[in-house]
Protein backbone atom coordinates (compact mmCIF):
# COMPACT_ATOMS: atom_id res chain seq x y z
CA MET A 1 9.47 -18.83 3.37
CA THR A 2 8.41 -18.49 -0.26
CA ILE A 3 6.54 -15.33 -1.24
CA ARG A 4 3.54 -16.30 -3.40
CA VAL A 5 2.94 -13.73 -6.15
CA LEU A 6 -0.07 -13.12 -8.37
CA LEU A 7 0.41 -11.17 -11.61
CA ALA A 8 -2.47 -9.06 -12.95
CA ASP A 9 -1.83 -7.26 -16.24
CA ASP A 10 -3.60 -7.28 -19.61
CA GLN A 11 -0.29 -7.46 -21.48
CA ALA A 12 0.68 -11.12 -21.83
CA LEU A 13 4.26 -10.29 -22.80
CA LEU A 14 4.73 -8.18 -19.68
CA ARG A 15 3.24 -10.89 -17.46
CA SER A 16 5.65 -13.40 -18.98
CA ALA A 17 8.63 -11.14 -18.29
CA PHE A 18 7.52 -10.60 -14.70
CA LYS A 19 6.96 -14.32 -14.25
CA VAL A 20 10.47 -15.21 -15.39
CA LEU A 21 11.93 -12.54 -13.11
CA VAL A 22 9.92 -13.53 -10.02
CA ASN A 23 10.44 -17.27 -10.50
CA SER A 24 14.20 -16.71 -10.80
CA GLU A 25 14.29 -15.72 -7.12
CA PRO A 26 14.72 -18.54 -4.58
CA ASP A 27 12.26 -16.95 -2.17
CA MET A 28 9.45 -16.22 -4.66
CA GLU A 29 7.06 -18.00 -6.97
CA VAL A 30 4.25 -16.94 -9.30
CA VAL A 31 1.03 -18.72 -8.34
CA GLY A 32 -1.26 -17.18 -10.93
CA GLU A 33 -1.69 -14.80 -13.86
CA ALA A 34 -4.72 -12.66 -14.63
CA PRO A 35 -5.44 -10.55 -17.75
CA ASP A 36 -8.07 -8.43 -15.98
CA GLY A 37 -9.27 -7.39 -12.56
CA ALA A 38 -12.14 -9.85 -12.30
CA GLU A 39 -9.84 -12.83 -12.78
CA ALA A 40 -7.32 -11.28 -10.40
CA VAL A 41 -9.95 -11.22 -7.67
CA ALA A 42 -10.99 -14.80 -8.42
CA LEU A 43 -7.37 -16.01 -8.33
CA ALA A 44 -6.68 -14.06 -5.14
CA ARG A 45 -9.53 -15.95 -3.48
CA SER A 46 -8.49 -19.35 -4.81
CA GLU A 47 -4.69 -19.08 -4.60
CA ARG A 48 -4.32 -16.77 -1.56
CA PRO A 49 -1.13 -15.04 -2.80
CA ASP A 50 1.03 -13.01 -0.45
CA VAL A 51 1.49 -10.19 -2.95
CA VAL A 52 -0.44 -9.10 -6.05
CA LEU A 53 1.27 -7.04 -8.75
CA MET A 54 -1.77 -5.20 -10.08
CA ASP A 55 -1.90 -3.10 -13.24
CA ILE A 56 -4.17 -0.08 -12.75
CA ARG A 57 -5.56 0.10 -16.28
CA MET A 58 -7.08 -3.14 -17.53
CA PRO A 59 -10.18 -3.86 -19.63
CA GLY A 60 -13.41 -4.70 -17.84
CA THR A 61 -12.75 -4.69 -14.11
CA ASP A 62 -9.72 -2.45 -13.72
CA GLY A 63 -7.01 -2.67 -11.09
CA LEU A 64 -8.62 -0.08 -8.85
CA ALA A 65 -11.93 -1.94 -8.63
CA ALA A 66 -10.10 -5.24 -8.15
CA THR A 67 -8.04 -3.77 -5.33
CA ARG A 68 -11.18 -2.59 -3.56
CA MET A 69 -12.75 -6.04 -3.83
CA ILE A 70 -9.66 -7.81 -2.52
CA THR A 71 -9.06 -5.45 0.40
CA ALA A 72 -12.76 -5.56 1.34
CA ASP A 73 -12.68 -9.35 1.70
CA PRO A 74 -11.84 -10.30 5.32
CA GLU A 75 -10.50 -13.65 4.15
CA LEU A 76 -7.87 -11.83 2.05
CA ALA A 77 -6.68 -9.53 4.83
CA ASP A 78 -3.11 -10.80 4.50
CA VAL A 79 -2.88 -10.16 0.75
CA ARG A 80 -0.72 -7.17 -0.14
CA ILE A 81 -1.20 -5.27 -3.40
CA VAL A 82 1.42 -3.33 -5.34
CA MET A 83 -0.02 -1.21 -8.13
CA LEU A 84 1.82 -1.07 -11.44
CA THR A 85 1.35 1.97 -13.64
CA THR A 86 2.90 3.67 -16.62
CA PHE A 87 2.16 7.04 -15.09
CA GLU A 88 3.69 7.06 -11.63
CA VAL A 89 1.91 10.15 -10.34
CA ASP A 90 -1.71 9.49 -11.06
CA GLU A 91 -5.03 10.11 -9.35
CA TYR A 92 -5.76 6.41 -9.71
CA VAL A 93 -2.65 5.62 -7.70
CA VAL A 94 -3.95 7.68 -4.81
CA GLN A 95 -7.35 6.02 -5.06
CA SER A 96 -5.56 2.68 -4.96
CA LEU A 97 -3.74 3.64 -1.76
CA ARG A 98 -7.04 4.70 -0.23
CA ALA A 99 -8.57 1.40 -1.37
CA GLY A 100 -5.91 -0.55 0.51
CA ALA A 101 -2.94 -1.01 -1.81
CA SER A 102 0.46 -1.13 -0.11
CA GLY A 103 2.00 1.17 -2.68
CA PHE A 104 2.86 1.49 -6.33
CA LEU A 105 5.68 1.15 -8.80
CA GLY A 106 6.21 2.36 -12.35
CA LYS A 107 6.36 -0.29 -15.08
CA GLY A 108 9.72 1.14 -16.07
CA ALA A 109 11.28 0.20 -12.74
CA GLU A 110 14.50 -1.81 -12.70
CA PRO A 111 14.18 -5.56 -11.98
CA GLU A 112 15.81 -5.09 -8.57
CA GLU A 113 13.23 -2.42 -7.70
CA LEU A 114 10.35 -4.72 -8.64
CA LEU A 115 11.71 -7.61 -6.58
CA GLY A 116 12.40 -5.25 -3.70
CA ALA A 117 8.84 -3.93 -3.92
CA ILE A 118 7.45 -7.44 -3.55
CA ARG A 119 9.58 -8.08 -0.47
CA ILE A 120 8.73 -4.70 1.07
CA ALA A 121 5.00 -5.18 0.56
CA HIS A 122 5.17 -8.72 1.92
CA ALA A 123 6.85 -7.38 5.05
CA GLY A 124 3.97 -4.96 5.58
CA GLU A 125 6.00 -1.84 4.86
CA ALA A 126 4.73 1.19 2.94
CA LEU A 127 6.00 1.19 -0.64
CA LEU A 128 6.38 4.36 -2.65
CA SER A 129 7.94 4.46 -6.08
CA PRO A 130 11.40 6.04 -6.01
CA ALA A 131 10.32 8.32 -8.87
CA ALA A 132 7.42 9.78 -6.90
CA THR A 133 8.10 11.95 -3.89
CA LYS A 134 6.15 11.50 -0.69
CA GLY A 135 5.32 15.19 -0.69
CA LEU A 136 3.58 14.91 -4.06
CA ILE A 137 1.63 11.86 -2.94
CA ALA A 138 0.68 13.72 0.21
CA THR A 139 -0.63 16.59 -1.87
CA PHE A 140 -2.91 14.22 -3.79
CA LEU A 141 -4.04 12.53 -0.60
CA ALA A 142 -4.85 15.89 0.92
CA GLN A 143 -7.21 16.91 -1.88
CA GLY A 144 -10.57 17.15 -0.18
CA ALA A 145 -9.18 15.56 2.99
CA GLY A 146 -6.10 17.45 4.11
CA SER A 147 -7.80 19.09 7.06
CA GLY A 148 -9.73 16.10 8.25
CA ALA A 149 -12.54 16.88 5.83
CA ASP A 150 -14.87 14.22 4.58
CA THR A 151 -13.81 12.60 1.29
CA GLY A 152 -17.38 12.08 0.15
CA ASP A 153 -17.99 8.71 1.76
CA GLY A 154 -17.62 9.73 5.40
CA GLY A 155 -14.16 8.17 5.50
CA GLY A 156 -12.29 11.34 6.50
CA LYS A 157 -14.56 11.99 9.47
CA ALA A 158 -14.42 8.37 10.58
CA ARG A 159 -10.61 8.39 10.47
CA SER A 160 -10.48 11.57 12.51
CA GLU A 161 -12.76 10.04 15.12
CA ARG A 162 -10.62 6.89 15.33
CA LEU A 163 -7.54 9.01 16.00
CA ALA A 164 -9.12 9.85 19.35
CA ALA A 165 -8.53 6.23 20.40
CA LEU A 166 -4.76 6.59 19.99
CA THR A 167 -2.50 7.40 22.92
CA ALA A 168 -0.27 10.46 22.71
CA ARG A 169 2.73 8.24 21.97
CA GLU A 170 0.87 6.31 19.26
CA ARG A 171 -0.09 9.58 17.58
CA GLU A 172 3.54 10.71 17.76
CA VAL A 173 4.68 7.45 16.17
CA LEU A 174 1.98 7.75 13.50
CA VAL A 175 3.27 11.20 12.50
CA LEU A 176 6.79 9.78 12.13
CA VAL A 177 5.53 6.79 10.12
CA ALA A 178 3.76 9.24 7.80
CA GLY A 179 7.09 11.04 7.45
CA GLY A 180 8.56 7.88 5.95
CA LEU A 181 10.76 6.91 8.91
CA SER A 182 11.52 3.26 9.60
CA ASN A 183 11.05 1.66 13.01
CA ASP A 184 14.77 1.96 13.72
CA GLU A 185 14.76 5.66 12.76
CA ILE A 186 11.70 6.31 14.90
CA ALA A 187 13.31 4.46 17.82
CA GLU A 188 16.40 6.65 17.55
CA ARG A 189 14.29 9.81 17.33
CA LEU A 190 12.22 8.90 20.40
CA ASP A 191 15.06 7.22 22.32
CA VAL A 192 13.20 3.92 22.70
CA SER A 193 13.78 0.40 21.37
CA PRO A 194 12.68 -0.67 17.86
CA LEU A 195 10.52 -3.33 19.52
CA THR A 196 8.67 -0.63 21.46
CA VAL A 197 8.09 1.30 18.23
CA LYS A 198 6.80 -1.85 16.52
CA THR A 199 4.35 -2.34 19.38
CA HIS A 200 3.06 1.22 19.02
CA VAL A 201 2.76 0.82 15.24
CA ASN A 202 0.84 -2.45 15.57
CA ARG A 203 -1.52 -0.96 18.14
CA ALA A 204 -2.15 2.08 15.93
CA MET A 205 -2.87 -0.19 12.96
CA ALA A 206 -5.35 -2.21 15.03
CA LYS A 207 -7.16 0.87 16.35
CA LEU A 208 -7.32 2.54 12.93
CA GLY A 209 -8.19 -0.60 10.99
CA ALA A 210 -5.09 -0.23 8.81
CA ARG A 211 -3.83 -3.17 6.79
CA ASP A 212 -0.23 -1.99 6.76
CA ARG A 213 2.02 1.05 7.11
CA ALA A 214 0.84 2.49 3.80
CA GLN A 215 -2.66 2.73 5.23
CA LEU A 216 -1.30 4.47 8.32
CA VAL A 217 0.22 7.10 6.03
CA VAL A 218 -3.10 7.56 4.22
CA THR A 219 -4.95 7.90 7.53
CA ALA A 220 -2.45 10.41 8.89
CA TYR A 221 -2.98 12.72 5.90
CA GLU A 222 -6.70 12.23 5.37
CA SER A 223 -7.45 12.84 9.04
CA GLY A 224 -5.44 16.07 9.00
CA LEU A 225 -2.99 14.80 11.63
CA VAL A 226 -0.18 15.44 9.13
CA ARG A 227 -0.26 18.27 6.60
CA PRO A 228 1.27 17.88 3.12
CA ARG A 229 4.48 19.72 2.39
CA VAL A 230 4.60 21.55 -0.91
CA ASP A 231 8.19 22.36 -1.85
């Protein structure tokens, strides 16, 4: 299976470098390039990429607004978005995760990291830049929402209410997902099979309206189910 990739960045030279890198992989191909968010949304709708590499700061419609438009479109539910940023710990990154992005990566990442990020996002896994700790991201996510408080749009309260639909085991699995554990690690921790864990994860995603594991992590923190750790 070939992973179809859309590149969205206002720097033509950077897009060209990414294109050469992605197209050099036998399981990937670039299906479009966009210099701004508006075109990225248009290309996402016409090309239906599997993964979008989205720069956060672009003229006109920025990456954050474009991410919201893509993730709000039911016809693009299978599109995964990886945010690219010069500043890896950034309030905009957190807003992107809340908007539905699968994760983010710094523009200074090694080529192998970028290619790995595309594959991870395509697989539906939560992607966090190696240079940014989960605890720091959790702290940002918890601002105004760490105790299940409303984030200003009613989202925090709604997420807390949806948690009530989860079974005790699904809540337990959600906490472990938020802790960054893989299905295999969760299976070992709970002494069940990885397939059983996958079933619980999929059911939790369906009940919470989460696009992928990254959204489960966001929900776990914003609902107050998991508290951020400050080292």
